[in-house]
Amino acid sequence: MVAIITWFDDRNGNNDIYAQRINSSGATLWTTAAEGGVSVCTQGSGQTNPTITSDGSNGAIITWFDGRAGNNDIYAQRIDMDGSSLWTANGLPVCTLTSGQLLPDISSDGSGGAIITWSDARNSTFYDIYAQRINSSGTAQWATDGIAISTVGGKAVDPVITGDASGGIIAWRDTRNVNSDIYASKASPDGVLPVELTSFSATVNSGVIMLKWMTATEIKNYGFEIERTLIHSTEWQKIGFVQGNGNSNSPKEYSFADNSATSGKYAYRLKQIDNDGTYKYSNEIKVDLGIPTEFSLQQNYPNPFNPTTTIQYNIPITSFVKISVYDILGKEIKQLVNELRNPGHHEIIFDAKELASGIYYYTIRTGEFTQSKKLILLK
C-alpha cells in the first residue's frame, strides 16, 4: 500500500506545489528534488491550497489555487506512479476568469479523470460554486471555465466533493439565509445539473391555499405539476401545472393558488418534469383547513376513470350520510355509504370493475342536503 501526498512549498522562495509518494513503511519513493518530493508546479507566482485524488492507475490528479496571471485561478496536474507530470508543464488551467476563484477540492470521476469544484466570484462580489470535469488526458468535459452548481447570490464557500462515474455530489457552506448553512447539489456525468428546489411552502388566506416555491438552478426544466391528497390517503390528484424556465442559473420564484380545497388536512407535492419527460417529486408539505362549515360533494377524480375513482365530501356536523351510484335511467346500482359520520372531510374509493362503460351519477343525501355529480367510466 502506498500514498501520494501534496503540499505547497517555499523552498524556491515562492509557494510552489510539490508531491511525494510513500510506501506502507513510511519510506519516501520520490527523491528527484534534494529536499525530497517532485515538483508539480514551480511557476513562481504563488500556488496554494492543493488537494489530491487518485487517477485509478497508481498516480494522482492534483488541483490548486494559482496566482500566476495576477488572478485567483484554478489549475490541475496529473502525475504517474513515478512522479512524472502527464499534462502541460506546471499544470493545465481549469478556470482562469479574472473574477477570482478560491478553495478548490477534487474527487476522482471513476474513469481516470477528476471532478474539481471551487468558490467563484464571476457573478458578483459574493462567491458561487462552480465545477469542472477533466478526463485522463487533461481535456475539460464540461463548459469552458466550469458549470454553475449554485448561484443564489449568497456567499458559498468551502466546497467539498465526492464523485464517481455517475457524477459528483458537492457540499458547501452557504450564507444565503444570513446564517451559515450547509447545502449540497449533484451534477451528472455530462455536467447537467438537476433542478435545485430551495424552498416549498404553503399559506392559507380566506380558504385559498397559496403554494410558493423557489429554484436556485434549472436545467431542461419543462415545469411543475402540482399534486394534492388528503392526509393518510394514497390517492394523489393533479390539480394544476406551472411552466418552468428551461435553463437558468439564477433564482426563480413560482406560485400556485388552490381554491378547490374545502376543508380537512391536505398534503401537497411538486412533480418536476424535464424536457425529456423524466421527473422527480419534491418533499411533501401539509395544510390543515379545519372542520368544514357546510355540506358539499366534490367532483370525483380521476374522471373519466377505469376502474376506480375517488369521491370526496364534507359534513359540518355529525350526520347520517347516504351516497349511492345511479345509471342514466335513475336506477340505484351501488350504495357506497349508509351510516353515521362525524364532522370533517371524507373520501371513498368507488370500484366500478363490474360495471360497463358509460355515464353514471352519484348522489349524497344527509338530512335536508342533497347533491349529485356525473362520473364517466371508460374501459
Foldseek 3Di string as FASTA:
>chain_A
DKDKDKFFDCPVPAGFIWMWMADPVRDTDACPDPVGTDGQAPLRQHWGQKEWEDLVQLWIKIKTFDCNPVAGFIWMWTAHNRRDTQAPRRTDGQADDRQHWDNKEWEHAAQRWIKIKTWGQPPHPATFIFIWTAHNNGDTQEDRRGDGFFDAPWHWHDKYWYHYVQFIKIKTFTCPVPDTDIDIFTAGNNRFGDFAKDDWDWDDDPQKIKIKTKTQWHAQWQWKFKWKDAPPDPDIDGDDIDGDDHGDNYMDMDMDIDNPDFFHKMKMKIWTAGNVGDTDIDDIDMDGRHFGPAWDWDDWPPFADPFKIKTKIFDRAWWFKWKFKAAPVRDTDGTFGGGIDGGDMDMDMDGRNVDDWDKMKMWMDTPPDIDMDIGTYDD
